[in-house]
Amino acid sequence: MPYSLREKQIILSSFIRNNHNAAATQRDLARDNPRMHTPCKKTIKRIFEKFQETSSLNRKKRVVNGNEDAQLNILISVQEDPNLSIRHISKSLQEWNAHDTSYSKVQRTLKKAGYKPFKIRPTPKLTQTHRENRVEFCRLMLERSNNDPNFLRNILWTDESSFATNGMINRKNTRYWATENPFCYREFRFQGRQSVNVWCGLIDNKIIGPHFFNQNLNGDSYLNFLENELEDFLDELPLQNLENIVFQQDGAPPHSTLRVRNYLNQRFGIWIGSRNAPLSWPANSPDLTPMDAFLWGYLKN
């Protein structure tokens, strides 16, 4: 059966690591890559021989100038540690042997082998307890959704976010496509910058709010909002939503004061929160709420 470029690289690396022993390579592949069909000995040797002849694992044979051992060492280095930079690979291989492993040689070899650099996206660090709580929360949501198909539609997802008066720019995601570098700049005022806290909610694909806090968010201002402004927003909802509403909030300190929790216990039959709530909200889980996963990013963009 045909193997992908990535699978051929795995087979080749294992074959080199096992001193060209096809049987040992089969055992390693079966143990470390159970989802991949284990190749026969003839296929393993054919992949290695083709790489020796063409310095490429692609189906189409190409003649590549350069030292075969150097190219093989480059591919093995990337497979062993995909986080290495081109400069680090070049420097470490030059110290290890005398083959040509310049920066440009490493770059060309990786490009011809189909490698592309991808940005690493940051994500909140999760402990084992965090992971267990997230799994338990998702299991509970699925269980309640199975018992009541409208349960998720009745959740009022809420959150606060800070908006800057001078706008924001994410340099990692901002691009300007052109055939030549236009050296683009965008003017922003960093001095005298002001920001405002905004509360917003989502229920059944409906946006609730927004509400702008004119002062720093604390337990008293948040409770005042719940008792007054939130009730005005809820009056606009259909009666069916009001009777079965499930209020959700994250673990921000103003959300966890005793007065706030007492009010939520009296106002809502079921609510989701981080401390002593009927339904426990897992910490470090912004991706579980549509506010962080969609709404704030959309509005700020």
Protein backbone atom coordinates (compact mmCIF):
# COMPACT_ATOMS: atom_id res chain seq x y z
CA MET A 1 0.00 0.00 0.00
CA PRO A 2 1.25 3.55 -0.67
CA TYR A 3 2.78 5.41 2.25
CA SER A 4 2.62 9.15 2.85
CA LEU A 5 5.75 11.27 2.95
CA ARG A 6 5.55 11.47 6.74
CA GLU A 7 5.21 7.66 7.04
CA LYS A 8 8.20 7.13 4.75
CA GLN A 9 10.26 9.44 6.94
CA ILE A 10 9.26 7.45 10.03
CA ILE A 11 10.18 4.15 8.30
CA LEU A 12 13.52 5.52 7.09
CA SER A 13 14.43 6.95 10.50
CA SER A 14 13.58 3.67 12.24
CA PHE A 15 15.59 1.67 9.69
CA ILE A 16 18.69 3.86 10.22
CA ARG A 17 18.23 3.74 14.00
CA ASN A 18 18.13 -0.08 13.92
CA ASN A 19 21.38 -0.36 11.92
CA HIS A 20 19.61 -1.35 8.67
CA ASN A 21 17.86 -4.30 10.36
CA ALA A 22 14.48 -4.66 8.64
CA ALA A 23 13.05 -7.10 11.19
CA ALA A 24 13.89 -4.81 14.13
CA THR A 25 12.44 -1.90 12.17
CA GLN A 26 9.15 -3.79 11.76
CA ARG A 27 8.97 -4.44 15.50
CA ASP A 28 9.63 -0.78 16.34
CA LEU A 29 7.07 0.48 13.83
CA ALA A 30 4.41 -1.94 15.08
CA ARG A 31 5.04 -0.84 18.67
CA ASP A 32 5.41 2.94 18.19
CA ASN A 33 2.99 3.48 15.26
CA PRO A 34 0.09 1.03 15.69
CA ARG A 35 -2.17 3.02 13.35
CA MET A 36 0.28 2.73 10.45
CA HIS A 37 0.35 -0.45 8.37
CA THR A 38 3.63 -2.20 9.13
CA PRO A 39 5.63 -2.48 5.89
CA CYS A 40 7.27 -5.68 4.76
CA LYS A 41 11.05 -6.01 4.79
CA LYS A 42 11.24 -5.52 1.03
CA THR A 43 9.33 -2.23 1.24
CA ILE A 44 11.57 -0.94 4.04
CA LYS A 45 14.72 -1.66 2.03
CA ARG A 46 13.20 -0.19 -1.13
CA ILE A 47 12.42 3.09 0.65
CA PHE A 48 15.98 3.27 1.94
CA GLU A 49 17.50 2.44 -1.44
CA LYS A 50 15.35 5.05 -3.17
CA PHE A 51 16.47 7.69 -0.70
CA GLN A 52 20.10 6.75 -1.33
CA GLU A 53 19.59 7.07 -5.08
CA THR A 54 17.49 10.24 -5.24
CA SER A 55 17.99 11.92 -1.83
CA SER A 56 14.21 12.25 -1.75
CA LEU A 57 11.24 10.31 -0.36
CA ASN A 58 8.79 11.70 -2.91
CA ARG A 59 7.32 9.38 -5.49
CA LYS A 60 8.77 11.37 -8.35
CA LYS A 61 12.49 10.81 -8.51
CA ARG A 62 14.58 13.93 -8.39
CA VAL A 63 18.31 14.32 -8.61
CA VAL A 64 19.47 16.45 -5.70
CA ASN A 65 23.00 17.69 -5.52
CA GLY A 66 24.71 17.47 -2.20
CA ASN A 67 25.89 14.99 0.37
CA GLU A 68 23.33 12.22 1.05
CA ASP A 69 24.46 11.64 4.61
CA ALA A 70 24.08 15.33 5.44
CA GLN A 71 20.51 15.40 4.12
CA LEU A 72 19.64 12.25 6.02
CA ASN A 73 21.09 13.70 9.25
CA ILE A 74 19.02 16.87 8.75
CA LEU A 75 15.76 14.90 8.39
CA ILE A 76 16.58 12.71 11.38
CA SER A 77 17.34 15.78 13.53
CA VAL A 78 13.93 17.28 12.71
CA GLN A 79 12.13 14.01 13.41
CA GLU A 80 13.81 13.65 16.79
CA ASP A 81 13.03 17.26 17.82
CA PRO A 82 10.54 19.19 15.62
CA ASN A 83 11.11 22.34 17.72
CA LEU A 84 14.68 22.88 16.54
CA SER A 85 15.41 26.00 14.50
CA ILE A 86 17.21 25.83 11.16
CA ARG A 87 20.17 27.69 12.66
CA HIS A 88 20.41 25.24 15.57
CA ILE A 89 20.27 22.22 13.24
CA SER A 90 22.97 23.69 11.02
CA LYS A 91 25.26 24.52 13.93
CA SER A 92 24.87 21.18 15.73
CA LEU A 93 25.46 19.11 12.57
CA GLN A 94 28.52 21.16 11.62
CA GLU A 95 30.02 20.46 15.05
CA TRP A 96 29.18 16.76 14.73
CA ASN A 97 30.62 16.13 11.24
CA ALA A 98 32.35 17.87 8.38
CA HIS A 99 29.53 17.57 5.82
CA ASP A 100 27.97 20.64 4.26
CA THR A 101 25.09 21.55 6.59
CA SER A 102 24.90 25.29 6.08
CA TYR A 103 21.78 27.26 6.92
CA SER A 104 20.67 27.34 3.27
CA LYS A 105 21.39 23.60 2.85
CA VAL A 106 19.19 22.75 5.84
CA GLN A 107 16.47 25.07 4.54
CA ARG A 108 16.51 23.51 1.06
CA THR A 109 16.52 19.96 2.43
CA LEU A 110 13.52 20.56 4.69
CA LYS A 111 11.61 22.31 1.90
CA LYS A 112 12.23 19.46 -0.55
CA ALA A 113 11.12 16.93 2.07
CA GLY A 114 7.80 18.77 2.47
CA TYR A 115 8.46 20.42 5.84
CA LYS A 116 6.86 23.80 6.58
CA PRO A 117 7.31 26.02 9.67
CA PHE A 118 4.12 26.42 11.71
CA LYS A 119 3.53 28.88 14.54
CA ILE A 120 2.96 27.48 18.04
CA ARG A 121 -0.28 28.73 19.53
CA PRO A 122 -0.18 29.48 23.29
CA THR A 123 -2.75 27.80 25.50
CA PRO A 124 -3.38 27.86 29.27
CA LYS A 125 -1.25 25.40 31.21
CA LEU A 126 -3.39 22.62 32.64
CA THR A 127 -2.51 20.47 35.63
CA GLN A 128 -3.81 16.93 35.97
CA THR A 129 -6.56 18.25 38.27
CA HIS A 130 -7.54 20.85 35.65
CA ARG A 131 -7.79 18.15 33.00
CA GLU A 132 -9.89 15.90 35.20
CA ASN A 133 -12.24 18.78 36.06
CA ARG A 134 -12.64 19.70 32.39
CA VAL A 135 -13.46 16.12 31.44
CA GLU A 136 -15.95 15.86 34.32
CA PHE A 137 -17.62 19.14 33.31
CA CYS A 138 -17.94 18.04 29.68
CA ARG A 139 -19.31 14.67 30.78
CA LEU A 140 -21.88 16.43 32.97
CA MET A 141 -22.91 18.75 30.12
CA LEU A 142 -23.35 15.81 27.75
CA GLU A 143 -25.38 13.92 30.34
CA ARG A 144 -27.71 16.86 30.99
CA SER A 145 -27.99 17.57 27.25
CA ASN A 146 -29.00 13.97 26.62
CA ASN A 147 -31.67 14.19 29.33
CA ASP A 148 -32.86 17.62 28.14
CA PRO A 149 -32.14 18.52 24.47
CA ASN A 150 -32.76 22.22 25.26
CA PHE A 151 -30.38 22.37 28.23
CA LEU A 152 -27.44 23.97 26.37
CA ARG A 153 -29.79 26.44 24.67
CA ASN A 154 -30.94 27.65 28.10
CA ILE A 155 -27.43 28.46 29.39
CA LEU A 156 -26.69 32.18 29.66
CA TRP A 157 -22.93 32.32 28.99
CA THR A 158 -21.41 35.49 30.48
CA ASP A 159 -18.02 37.14 30.69
CA GLU A 160 -16.26 40.49 30.99
CA SER A 161 -13.51 41.81 28.75
CA SER A 162 -11.44 44.99 28.53
CA PHE A 163 -11.68 47.17 25.41
CA ALA A 164 -9.02 49.84 24.72
CA THR A 165 -10.15 53.21 23.42
CA ASN A 166 -7.27 53.35 20.93
CA GLY A 167 -7.99 49.93 19.46
CA MET A 168 -5.77 46.87 19.44
CA ILE A 169 -3.49 45.17 16.97
CA ASN A 170 -2.30 41.59 17.07
CA ARG A 171 1.02 41.61 15.20
CA LYS A 172 1.14 37.82 15.10
CA ASN A 173 -2.10 37.59 13.11
CA THR A 174 -1.83 40.85 11.12
CA ARG A 175 -0.56 40.46 7.55
CA TYR A 176 -0.20 42.62 4.44
CA TRP A 177 0.11 40.59 1.25
CA ALA A 178 2.24 42.11 -1.51
CA THR A 179 4.87 41.08 -4.04
CA GLU A 180 7.40 43.41 -2.37
CA ASN A 181 7.78 44.55 1.22
CA PRO A 182 5.68 47.76 1.56
CA PHE A 183 7.09 48.47 5.07
CA CYS A 184 3.59 49.11 6.45
CA TYR A 185 2.98 50.97 9.70
CA ARG A 186 -0.22 51.63 11.62
CA GLU A 187 -0.41 54.59 14.00
CA PHE A 188 -1.61 54.08 17.58
CA ARG A 189 -1.67 56.35 20.59
CA PHE A 190 -0.05 54.54 23.48
CA GLN A 191 0.07 57.55 25.81
CA GLY A 192 -3.24 58.49 27.40
CA ARG A 193 -4.59 55.06 26.58
CA GLN A 194 -7.88 54.24 28.31
CA SER A 195 -9.85 51.04 28.61
CA VAL A 196 -13.33 50.04 29.71
CA ASN A 197 -14.69 46.80 31.14
CA VAL A 198 -17.58 45.35 29.15
CA TRP A 199 -20.00 42.62 30.22
CA CYS A 200 -21.83 40.57 27.65
CA GLY A 201 -23.87 37.39 27.53
CA LEU A 202 -25.00 34.79 25.02
CA ILE A 203 -28.08 32.57 25.23
CA ASP A 204 -29.58 30.52 22.43
CA ASN A 205 -27.59 32.49 19.79
CA LYS A 206 -28.86 35.81 21.22
CA ILE A 207 -26.47 38.48 22.51
CA ILE A 208 -27.42 39.91 25.93
CA GLY A 209 -26.03 43.36 26.63
CA PRO A 210 -23.50 44.83 26.43
CA HIS A 211 -23.09 46.58 29.78
CA PHE A 212 -20.21 49.02 30.40
CA PHE A 213 -18.73 49.29 33.88
CA ASN A 214 -17.79 52.87 34.70
CA GLN A 215 -15.58 51.73 37.57
CA ASN A 216 -13.30 48.87 38.43
CA LEU A 217 -15.13 45.57 38.62
CA ASN A 218 -15.43 44.30 42.19
CA GLY A 219 -17.90 42.29 44.22
CA ASP A 220 -20.16 45.26 45.02
CA SER A 221 -20.34 46.63 41.47
CA TYR A 222 -20.90 43.16 40.06
CA LEU A 223 -23.69 42.43 42.54
CA ASN A 224 -25.32 45.78 41.74
CA PHE A 225 -25.21 44.85 38.06
CA LEU A 226 -26.82 41.46 38.70
CA GLU A 227 -29.61 42.94 40.80
CA ASN A 228 -30.48 45.80 38.44
CA GLU A 229 -29.05 45.96 34.90
CA LEU A 230 -29.11 42.19 34.29
CA GLU A 231 -32.80 42.01 35.18
CA ASP A 232 -33.57 44.63 32.51
CA PHE A 233 -31.73 42.54 29.92
CA LEU A 234 -33.55 39.36 30.98
CA ASP A 235 -36.96 41.01 30.64
CA GLU A 236 -36.40 41.04 26.88
CA LEU A 237 -36.06 37.24 26.71
CA PRO A 238 -38.95 34.91 25.84
CA LEU A 239 -40.80 33.44 28.80
CA GLN A 240 -39.51 29.94 27.98
CA ASN A 241 -35.92 31.07 28.39
CA LEU A 242 -36.66 32.91 31.64
CA GLU A 243 -38.24 29.85 33.27
CA ASN A 244 -35.34 27.51 32.47
CA ILE A 245 -32.36 29.86 32.38
CA VAL A 246 -28.99 28.51 33.62
CA PHE A 247 -26.62 31.35 34.54
CA GLN A 248 -22.90 30.81 33.86
CA GLN A 249 -19.88 32.77 35.06
CA ASP A 250 -16.16 32.03 35.28
CA GLY A 251 -13.87 32.13 38.31
CA ALA A 252 -13.06 35.85 38.38
CA PRO A 253 -12.69 37.08 42.02
CA PRO A 254 -15.72 39.46 41.88
CA HIS A 255 -17.88 36.48 40.88
CA SER A 256 -16.99 34.48 43.97
CA THR A 257 -17.93 36.81 46.84
CA LEU A 258 -20.41 35.45 49.38
CA ARG A 259 -23.05 38.07 48.58
CA VAL A 260 -22.88 37.31 44.87
CA ARG A 261 -23.18 33.56 45.45
CA ASN A 262 -26.11 34.03 47.82
CA TYR A 263 -27.91 36.17 45.25
CA LEU A 264 -27.34 33.64 42.47
CA ASN A 265 -28.65 30.84 44.69
CA GLN A 266 -31.85 32.82 45.31
CA ARG A 267 -32.32 34.13 41.76
CA PHE A 268 -31.48 31.05 39.67
CA GLY A 269 -32.37 27.46 40.35
CA ILE A 270 -29.20 26.26 38.59
CA TRP A 271 -26.06 28.28 37.87
CA ILE A 272 -22.50 27.49 36.84
CA GLY A 273 -19.56 28.96 38.75
CA SER A 274 -16.19 28.21 40.28
CA ARG A 275 -16.93 28.24 44.04
CA ASN A 276 -19.78 26.36 45.75
CA ALA A 277 -21.92 26.54 42.62
CA PRO A 278 -24.55 23.90 41.80
CA LEU A 279 -22.57 23.15 38.65
CA SER A 280 -18.80 23.58 39.04
CA TRP A 281 -16.95 25.54 36.34
CA PRO A 282 -13.44 24.12 35.58
CA ALA A 283 -10.58 26.57 35.98
CA ASN A 284 -8.43 27.66 33.01
CA SER A 285 -11.15 26.79 30.49
CA PRO A 286 -11.87 29.85 28.29
CA ASP A 287 -12.25 27.54 25.28
CA LEU A 288 -15.37 25.98 26.83
CA THR A 289 -17.44 29.17 26.62
CA PRO A 290 -18.53 30.88 23.37
CA MET A 291 -17.63 34.26 24.89
CA ASP A 292 -13.88 33.64 24.78
CA ALA A 293 -13.96 31.18 21.90
CA PHE A 294 -15.85 33.51 19.57
CA LEU A 295 -17.57 36.71 20.72
CA TRP A 296 -14.73 38.78 22.19
CA GLY A 297 -12.34 38.05 19.34
CA TYR A 298 -15.02 38.86 16.77
CA LEU A 299 -15.96 42.15 18.42
CA LYS A 300 -12.36 43.31 18.89
CA ASN A 301 -11.47 42.47 15.31
